[in-house]
Amino acid sequence: MGIFLSCCRGSNEEEDSLTVSVEQRRKQAEEAAERRRLENERRGIKDPEKFKRQQAKAQEMEKREMEAAKIGGGNPNLRWTQD
């Protein structure tokens, strides 16, 4: 009977290999969180590169508008008048 029980239990080495260290769990959790963040960031965007270019273009336009406002003192040179 002792022989039968010893083969069914398994060895301590198998138990050690099945358990994951705390450091490995943290690393896996961090990687999973990063994957989820990237997936959420890309959700709904068909072409991420195009989206990045559009963002950069919008930031450049905003920067130019701010510079123009500083140079012009906030008053535009051209005014619209309705006749």
PDB file of N, CA and C in Angstrom:
ATOM      1  N   MET A   1       0.796  -1.193   0.000  1.00  0.00           N
ATOM      2  CA  MET A   1       0.000   0.000   0.000  1.00  0.00           C
ATOM      3  C   MET A   1       0.845   1.266   0.000  1.00  0.00           C
ATOM      4  N   GLY A   2       1.956   1.217   0.661  1.00  0.00           N
ATOM      5  CA  GLY A   2       2.813   2.383   0.706  1.00  0.00           C
ATOM      6  C   GLY A   2       3.331   2.761  -0.662  1.00  0.00           C
ATOM      7  N   ILE A   3       3.555   1.778  -1.503  1.00  0.00           N
ATOM      8  CA  ILE A   3       4.042   2.039  -2.855  1.00  0.00           C
ATOM      9  C   ILE A   3       2.974   2.776  -3.665  1.00  0.00           C
ATOM     10  N   PHE A   4       1.749   2.375  -3.526  1.00  0.00           N
ATOM     11  CA  PHE A   4       0.661   2.997  -4.272  1.00  0.00           C
ATOM     12  C   PHE A   4       0.507   4.470  -3.895  1.00  0.00           C
ATOM     13  N   LEU A   5       0.546   4.779  -2.623  1.00  0.00           N
ATOM     14  CA  LEU A   5       0.366   6.157  -2.182  1.00  0.00           C
ATOM     15  C   LEU A   5       1.532   7.044  -2.599  1.00  0.00           C
ATOM     16  N   SER A   6       2.733   6.491  -2.613  1.00  0.00           N
ATOM     17  CA  SER A   6       3.878   7.326  -2.967  1.00  0.00           C
ATOM     18  C   SER A   6       3.850   7.733  -4.441  1.00  0.00           C
ATOM     19  N   CYS A   7       3.312   6.920  -5.307  1.00  0.00           N
ATOM     20  CA  CYS A   7       3.293   7.291  -6.720  1.00  0.00           C
ATOM     21  C   CYS A   7       2.141   8.242  -7.039  1.00  0.00           C
ATOM     22  N   CYS A   8       1.106   8.279  -6.238  1.00  0.00           N
ATOM     23  CA  CYS A   8      -0.031   9.160  -6.505  1.00  0.00           C
ATOM     24  C   CYS A   8       0.185  10.574  -6.003  1.00  0.00           C
ATOM     25  N   ARG A   9       0.980  10.743  -4.988  1.00  0.00           N
ATOM     26  CA  ARG A   9       1.170  12.059  -4.390  1.00  0.00           C
ATOM     27  C   ARG A   9       2.028  12.977  -5.229  1.00  0.00           C
ATOM     28  N   GLY A  10       3.026  12.482  -5.853  1.00  0.00           N
ATOM     29  CA  GLY A  10       3.943  13.342  -6.589  1.00  0.00           C
ATOM     30  C   GLY A  10       5.084  13.761  -5.690  1.00  0.00           C
ATOM     31  N   SER A  11       6.098  14.340  -6.263  1.00  0.00           N
ATOM     32  CA  SER A  11       7.259  14.736  -5.482  1.00  0.00           C
ATOM     33  C   SER A  11       7.199  16.217  -5.149  1.00  0.00           C
ATOM     34  N   ASN A  12       8.061  16.629  -4.247  1.00  0.00           N
ATOM     35  CA  ASN A  12       8.140  18.041  -3.866  1.00  0.00           C
ATOM     36  C   ASN A  12       8.638  18.908  -5.016  1.00  0.00           C
ATOM     37  N   GLU A  13       9.460  18.353  -5.901  1.00  0.00           N
ATOM     38  CA  GLU A  13       9.974  19.111  -7.034  1.00  0.00           C
ATOM     39  C   GLU A  13       8.846  19.557  -7.956  1.00  0.00           C
ATOM     40  N   GLU A  14       7.852  18.677  -8.150  1.00  0.00           N
ATOM     41  CA  GLU A  14       6.726  19.048  -8.998  1.00  0.00           C
ATOM     42  C   GLU A  14       5.930  20.182  -8.372  1.00  0.00           C
ATOM     43  N   GLU A  15       5.741  20.139  -7.066  1.00  0.00           N
ATOM     44  CA  GLU A  15       5.005  21.192  -6.373  1.00  0.00           C
ATOM     45  C   GLU A  15       5.748  22.516  -6.464  1.00  0.00           C
ATOM     46  N   ASP A  16       7.061  22.479  -6.329  1.00  0.00           N
ATOM     47  CA  ASP A  16       7.862  23.698  -6.419  1.00  0.00           C
ATOM     48  C   ASP A  16       7.790  24.315  -7.814  1.00  0.00           C
ATOM     49  N   SER A  17       7.772  23.463  -8.846  1.00  0.00           N
ATOM     50  CA  SER A  17       7.734  24.001 -10.206  1.00  0.00           C
ATOM     51  C   SER A  17       6.359  24.554 -10.545  1.00  0.00           C
ATOM     52  N   LEU A  18       5.311  24.082  -9.878  1.00  0.00           N
ATOM     53  CA  LEU A  18       3.966  24.576 -10.148  1.00  0.00           C
ATOM     54  C   LEU A  18       3.705  25.927  -9.482  1.00  0.00           C
ATOM     55  N   THR A  19       4.329  26.156  -8.352  1.00  0.00           N
ATOM     56  CA  THR A  19       4.122  27.427  -7.669  1.00  0.00           C
ATOM     57  C   THR A  19       5.024  28.479  -8.306  1.00  0.00           C
ATOM     58  N   VAL A  20       4.501  29.671  -8.429  1.00  0.00           N
ATOM     59  CA  VAL A  20       5.230  30.768  -9.058  1.00  0.00           C
ATOM     60  C   VAL A  20       5.642  31.742  -7.957  1.00  0.00           C
ATOM     61  N   SER A  21       6.856  32.229  -8.047  1.00  0.00           N
ATOM     62  CA  SER A  21       7.338  33.143  -7.024  1.00  0.00           C
ATOM     63  C   SER A  21       6.568  34.460  -7.090  1.00  0.00           C
ATOM     64  N   VAL A  22       6.618  35.188  -6.010  1.00  0.00           N
ATOM     65  CA  VAL A  22       5.919  36.468  -5.920  1.00  0.00           C
ATOM     66  C   VAL A  22       6.462  37.436  -6.966  1.00  0.00           C
ATOM     67  N   GLU A  23       7.754  37.425  -7.170  1.00  0.00           N
ATOM     68  CA  GLU A  23       8.378  38.319  -8.144  1.00  0.00           C
ATOM     69  C   GLU A  23       7.895  38.015  -9.556  1.00  0.00           C
ATOM     70  N   GLN A  24       7.784  36.734  -9.887  1.00  0.00           N
ATOM     71  CA  GLN A  24       7.306  36.348 -11.210  1.00  0.00           C
ATOM     72  C   GLN A  24       5.842  36.743 -11.386  1.00  0.00           C
ATOM     73  N   ARG A  25       5.041  36.582 -10.348  1.00  0.00           N
ATOM     74  CA  ARG A  25       3.628  36.981 -10.427  1.00  0.00           C
ATOM     75  C   ARG A  25       3.494  38.479 -10.648  1.00  0.00           C
ATOM     76  N   ARG A  26       4.304  39.251  -9.937  1.00  0.00           N
ATOM     77  CA  ARG A  26       4.257  40.707 -10.116  1.00  0.00           C
ATOM     78  C   ARG A  26       4.641  41.094 -11.531  1.00  0.00           C
ATOM     79  N   LYS A  27       5.672  40.443 -12.053  1.00  0.00           N
ATOM     80  CA  LYS A  27       6.116  40.733 -13.412  1.00  0.00           C
ATOM     81  C   LYS A  27       5.020  40.387 -14.417  1.00  0.00           C
ATOM     82  N   GLN A  28       4.385  39.230 -14.244  1.00  0.00           N
ATOM     83  CA  GLN A  28       3.308  38.832 -15.145  1.00  0.00           C
ATOM     84  C   GLN A  28       2.133  39.797 -15.053  1.00  0.00           C
ATOM     85  N   ALA A  29       1.798  40.224 -13.843  1.00  0.00           N
ATOM     86  CA  ALA A  29       0.693  41.169 -13.661  1.00  0.00           C
ATOM     87  C   ALA A  29       1.024  42.505 -14.318  1.00  0.00           C
ATOM     88  N   GLU A  30       2.263  42.942 -14.193  1.00  0.00           N
ATOM     89  CA  GLU A  30       2.694  44.199 -14.811  1.00  0.00           C
ATOM     90  C   GLU A  30       2.612  44.107 -16.335  1.00  0.00           C
ATOM     91  N   GLU A  31       3.052  42.986 -16.897  1.00  0.00           N
ATOM     92  CA  GLU A  31       2.987  42.800 -18.340  1.00  0.00           C
ATOM     93  C   GLU A  31       1.537  42.765 -18.827  1.00  0.00           C
ATOM     94  N   ALA A  32       0.676  42.104 -18.080  1.00  0.00           N
ATOM     95  CA  ALA A  32      -0.737  42.036 -18.449  1.00  0.00           C
ATOM     96  C   ALA A  32      -1.376  43.419 -18.395  1.00  0.00           C
ATOM     97  N   ALA A  33      -1.025  44.195 -17.388  1.00  0.00           N
ATOM     98  CA  ALA A  33      -1.571  45.551 -17.270  1.00  0.00           C
ATOM     99  C   ALA A  33      -1.104  46.416 -18.435  1.00  0.00           C
ATOM    100  N   GLU A  34       0.140  46.271 -18.837  1.00  0.00           N
ATOM    101  CA  GLU A  34       0.668  47.037 -19.962  1.00  0.00           C
ATOM    102  C   GLU A  34      -0.040  46.643 -21.258  1.00  0.00           C
ATOM    103  N   ARG A  35      -0.290  45.340 -21.453  1.00  0.00           N
ATOM    104  CA  ARG A  35      -1.020  44.892 -22.639  1.00  0.00           C
ATOM    105  C   ARG A  35      -2.432  45.463 -22.661  1.00  0.00           C
ATOM    106  N   ARG A  36      -3.110  45.455 -21.519  1.00  0.00           N
ATOM    107  CA  ARG A  36      -4.467  46.008 -21.445  1.00  0.00           C
ATOM    108  C   ARG A  36      -4.461  47.500 -21.743  1.00  0.00           C
ATOM    109  N   ARG A  37      -3.466  48.219 -21.231  1.00  0.00           N
ATOM    110  CA  ARG A  37      -3.375  49.655 -21.469  1.00  0.00           C
ATOM    111  C   ARG A  37      -3.203  49.941 -22.962  1.00  0.00           C
ATOM    112  N   LEU A  38      -2.327  49.184 -23.613  1.00  0.00           N
ATOM    113  CA  LEU A  38      -2.098  49.378 -25.042  1.00  0.00           C
ATOM    114  C   LEU A  38      -3.339  49.020 -25.856  1.00  0.00           C
ATOM    115  N   GLU A  39      -4.024  47.956 -25.470  1.00  0.00           N
ATOM    116  CA  GLU A  39      -5.246  47.569 -26.182  1.00  0.00           C
ATOM    117  C   GLU A  39      -6.313  48.651 -26.043  1.00  0.00           C
ATOM    118  N   ASN A  40      -6.467  49.196 -24.847  1.00  0.00           N
ATOM    119  CA  ASN A  40      -7.454  50.253 -24.634  1.00  0.00           C
ATOM    120  C   ASN A  40      -7.083  51.521 -25.389  1.00  0.00           C
ATOM    121  N   GLU A  41      -5.795  51.800 -25.484  1.00  0.00           N
ATOM    122  CA  GLU A  41      -5.321  52.986 -26.187  1.00  0.00           C
ATOM    123  C   GLU A  41      -5.615  52.878 -27.683  1.00  0.00           C
ATOM    124  N   ARG A  42      -5.502  51.680 -28.221  1.00  0.00           N
ATOM    125  CA  ARG A  42      -5.687  51.465 -29.657  1.00  0.00           C
ATOM    126  C   ARG A  42      -7.135  51.152 -30.026  1.00  0.00           C
ATOM    127  N   ARG A  43      -7.989  50.964 -29.063  1.00  0.00           N
ATOM    128  CA  ARG A  43      -9.368  50.594 -29.343  1.00  0.00           C
ATOM    129  C   ARG A  43     -10.052  51.668 -30.184  1.00  0.00           C
ATOM    130  N   GLY A  44     -10.639  51.259 -31.296  1.00  0.00           N
ATOM    131  CA  GLY A  44     -11.372  52.174 -32.153  1.00  0.00           C
ATOM    132  C   GLY A  44     -10.509  52.906 -33.162  1.00  0.00           C
ATOM    133  N   ILE A  45      -9.214  52.685 -33.151  1.00  0.00           N
ATOM    134  CA  ILE A  45      -8.315  53.357 -34.087  1.00  0.00           C
ATOM    135  C   ILE A  45      -7.861  52.331 -35.122  1.00  0.00           C
ATOM    136  N   LYS A  46      -8.216  52.578 -36.382  1.00  0.00           N
ATOM    137  CA  LYS A  46      -7.849  51.632 -37.433  1.00  0.00           C
ATOM    138  C   LYS A  46      -6.377  51.750 -37.806  1.00  0.00           C
ATOM    139  N   ASP A  47      -5.882  52.967 -37.851  1.00  0.00           N
ATOM    140  CA  ASP A  47      -4.494  53.210 -38.250  1.00  0.00           C
ATOM    141  C   ASP A  47      -3.804  54.035 -37.166  1.00  0.00           C
ATOM    142  N   PRO A  48      -3.104  53.380 -36.229  1.00  0.00           N
ATOM    143  CA  PRO A  48      -2.470  54.122 -35.129  1.00  0.00           C
ATOM    144  C   PRO A  48      -1.426  55.132 -35.595  1.00  0.00           C
ATOM    145  N   GLU A  49      -0.714  54.837 -36.676  1.00  0.00           N
ATOM    146  CA  GLU A  49       0.306  55.761 -37.163  1.00  0.00           C
ATOM    147  C   GLU A  49      -0.334  57.046 -37.682  1.00  0.00           C
ATOM    148  N   LYS A  50      -1.430  56.915 -38.396  1.00  0.00           N
ATOM    149  CA  LYS A  50      -2.139  58.089 -38.901  1.00  0.00           C
ATOM    150  C   LYS A  50      -2.644  58.941 -37.745  1.00  0.00           C
ATOM    151  N   PHE A  51      -3.138  58.277 -36.712  1.00  0.00           N
ATOM    152  CA  PHE A  51      -3.628  58.978 -35.530  1.00  0.00           C
ATOM    153  C   PHE A  51      -2.504  59.772 -34.872  1.00  0.00           C
ATOM    154  N   LYS A  52      -1.328  59.177 -34.762  1.00  0.00           N
ATOM    155  CA  LYS A  52      -0.179  59.874 -34.173  1.00  0.00           C
ATOM    156  C   LYS A  52       0.215  61.091 -35.009  1.00  0.00           C
ATOM    157  N   ARG A  53       0.184  60.933 -36.333  1.00  0.00           N
ATOM    158  CA  ARG A  53       0.518  62.064 -37.212  1.00  0.00           C
ATOM    159  C   ARG A  53      -0.491  63.197 -37.036  1.00  0.00           C
ATOM    160  N   GLN A  54      -1.771  62.846 -36.927  1.00  0.00           N
ATOM    161  CA  GLN A  54      -2.806  63.868 -36.748  1.00  0.00           C
ATOM    162  C   GLN A  54      -2.620  64.601 -35.419  1.00  0.00           C
ATOM    163  N   GLN A  55      -2.270  63.855 -34.378  1.00  0.00           N
ATOM    164  CA  GLN A  55      -2.032  64.492 -33.083  1.00  0.00           C
ATOM    165  C   GLN A  55      -0.851  65.448 -33.158  1.00  0.00           C
ATOM    166  N   ALA A  56       0.228  65.017 -33.797  1.00  0.00           N
ATOM    167  CA  ALA A  56       1.410  65.864 -33.921  1.00  0.00           C
ATOM    168  C   ALA A  56       1.079  67.127 -34.723  1.00  0.00           C
ATOM    169  N   LYS A  57       0.294  66.980 -35.783  1.00  0.00           N
ATOM    170  CA  LYS A  57      -0.096  68.122 -36.601  1.00  0.00           C
ATOM    171  C   LYS A  57      -0.952  69.099 -35.798  1.00  0.00           C
ATOM    172  N   ALA A  58      -1.879  68.577 -35.006  1.00  0.00           N
ATOM    173  CA  ALA A  58      -2.738  69.429 -34.186  1.00  0.00           C
ATOM    174  C   ALA A  58      -1.917  70.186 -33.140  1.00  0.00           C
ATOM    175  N   GLN A  59      -0.934  69.513 -32.541  1.00  0.00           N
ATOM    176  CA  GLN A  59      -0.075  70.174 -31.559  1.00  0.00           C
ATOM    177  C   GLN A  59       0.749  71.269 -32.214  1.00  0.00           C
ATOM    178  N   GLU A  60       1.249  71.015 -33.422  1.00  0.00           N
ATOM    179  CA  GLU A  60       2.033  72.016 -34.147  1.00  0.00           C
ATOM    180  C   GLU A  60       1.178  73.237 -34.474  1.00  0.00           C
ATOM    181  N   MET A  61      -0.048  73.009 -34.905  1.00  0.00           N
ATOM    182  CA  MET A  61      -0.956  74.122 -35.215  1.00  0.00           C
ATOM    183  C   MET A  61      -1.254  74.941 -33.959  1.00  0.00           C
ATOM    184  N   GLU A  62      -1.476  74.266 -32.855  1.00  0.00           N
ATOM    185  CA  GLU A  62      -1.747  74.965 -31.594  1.00  0.00           C
ATOM    186  C   GLU A  62      -0.543  75.806 -31.182  1.00  0.00           C
ATOM    187  N   LYS A  63       0.643  75.245 -31.359  1.00  0.00           N
ATOM    188  CA  LYS A  63       1.872  75.967 -31.019  1.00  0.00           C
ATOM    189  C   LYS A  63       2.021  77.223 -31.886  1.00  0.00           C
ATOM    190  N   ARG A  64       1.733  77.092 -33.181  1.00  0.00           N
ATOM    191  CA  ARG A  64       1.828  78.239 -34.085  1.00  0.00           C
ATOM    192  C   ARG A  64       0.813  79.317 -33.721  1.00  0.00           C
ATOM    193  N   GLU A  65      -0.402  78.904 -33.358  1.00  0.00           N
ATOM    194  CA  GLU A  65      -1.431  79.873 -32.970  1.00  0.00           C
ATOM    195  C   GLU A  65      -1.017  80.636 -31.711  1.00  0.00           C
ATOM    196  N   MET A  66      -0.411  79.934 -30.762  1.00  0.00           N
ATOM    197  CA  MET A  66       0.040  80.594 -29.531  1.00  0.00           C
ATOM    198  C   MET A  66       1.156  81.591 -29.835  1.00  0.00           C
ATOM    199  N   GLU A  67       2.087  81.218 -30.719  1.00  0.00           N
ATOM    200  CA  GLU A  67       3.176  82.129 -31.097  1.00  0.00           C
ATOM    201  C   GLU A  67       2.627  83.356 -31.817  1.00  0.00           C
ATOM    202  N   ALA A  68       1.641  83.132 -32.682  1.00  0.00           N
ATOM    203  CA  ALA A  68       1.042  84.250 -33.411  1.00  0.00           C
ATOM    204  C   ALA A  68       0.317  85.186 -32.450  1.00  0.00           C
ATOM    205  N   ALA A  69      -0.316  84.634 -31.449  1.00  0.00           N
ATOM    206  CA  ALA A  69      -1.020  85.461 -30.465  1.00  0.00           C
ATOM    207  C   ALA A  69      -0.023  86.290 -29.650  1.00  0.00           C
ATOM    208  N   LYS A  70       1.133  85.722 -29.334  1.00  0.00           N
ATOM    209  CA  LYS A  70       2.155  86.464 -28.581  1.00  0.00           C
ATOM    210  C   LYS A  70       2.722  87.607 -29.413  1.00  0.00           C
ATOM    211  N   ILE A  71       2.981  87.341 -30.670  1.00  0.00           N
ATOM    212  CA  ILE A  71       3.561  88.360 -31.549  1.00  0.00           C
ATOM    213  C   ILE A  71       2.561  89.482 -31.800  1.00  0.00           C
ATOM    214  N   GLY A  72       1.319  89.124 -32.059  1.00  0.00           N
ATOM    215  CA  GLY A  72       0.309  90.116 -32.376  1.00  0.00           C
ATOM    216  C   GLY A  72      -0.291  90.768 -31.146  1.00  0.00           C
ATOM    217  N   GLY A  73       0.128  90.397 -29.978  1.00  0.00           N
ATOM    218  CA  GLY A  73      -0.413  90.977 -28.756  1.00  0.00           C
ATOM    219  C   GLY A  73      -1.848  90.547 -28.490  1.00  0.00           C
ATOM    220  N   GLY A  74      -2.262  89.487 -29.136  1.00  0.00           N
ATOM    221  CA  GLY A  74      -3.612  89.000 -28.920  1.00  0.00           C
ATOM    222  C   GLY A  74      -4.645  89.665 -29.796  1.00  0.00           C
ATOM    223  N   ASN A  75      -4.264  90.723 -30.527  1.00  0.00           N
ATOM    224  CA  ASN A  75      -5.184  91.413 -31.427  1.00  0.00           C
ATOM    225  C   ASN A  75      -4.868  91.031 -32.861  1.00  0.00           C
ATOM    226  N   PRO A  76      -5.808  90.435 -33.537  1.00  0.00           N
ATOM    227  CA  PRO A  76      -5.544  90.070 -34.930  1.00  0.00           C
ATOM    228  C   PRO A  76      -5.512  91.316 -35.814  1.00  0.00           C
ATOM    229  N   ASN A  77      -4.721  91.272 -36.862  1.00  0.00           N
ATOM    230  CA  ASN A  77      -4.591  92.395 -37.775  1.00  0.00           C
ATOM    231  C   ASN A  77      -5.804  92.534 -38.677  1.00  0.00           C
ATOM    232  N   LEU A  78      -6.400  91.451 -39.025  1.00  0.00           N
ATOM    233  CA  LEU A  78      -7.550  91.478 -39.923  1.00  0.00           C
ATOM    234  C   LEU A  78      -8.826  91.377 -39.105  1.00  0.00           C
ATOM    235  N   ARG A  79      -9.819  92.163 -39.492  1.00  0.00           N
ATOM    236  CA  ARG A  79     -11.097  92.114 -38.795  1.00  0.00           C
ATOM    237  C   ARG A  79     -12.213  91.928 -39.802  1.00  0.00           C
ATOM    238  N   TRP A  80     -13.193  91.236 -39.411  1.00  0.00           N
ATOM    239  CA  TRP A  80     -14.346  90.980 -40.270  1.00  0.00           C
ATOM    240  C   TRP A  80     -15.402  92.019 -39.980  1.00  0.00           C
ATOM    241  N   THR A  81     -15.831  92.671 -41.049  1.00  0.00           N
ATOM    242  CA  THR A  81     -16.935  93.644 -40.900  1.00  0.00           C
ATOM    243  C   THR A  81     -18.022  93.268 -41.869  1.00  0.00           C
ATOM    244  N   GLN A  82     -19.200  93.398 -41.413  1.00  0.00           N
ATOM    245  CA  GLN A  82     -20.340  93.043 -42.250  1.00  0.00           C
ATOM    246  C   GLN A  82     -20.963  94.313 -42.801  1.00  0.00           C
ATOM    247  N   ASP A  83     -21.137  94.414 -44.088  1.00  0.00           N
ATOM    248  CA  ASP A  83     -21.698  95.608 -44.716  1.00  0.00           C
ATOM    249  C   ASP A  83     -23.194  95.570 -44.730  1.00  0.00           C
TER     250      ASP A  83
END
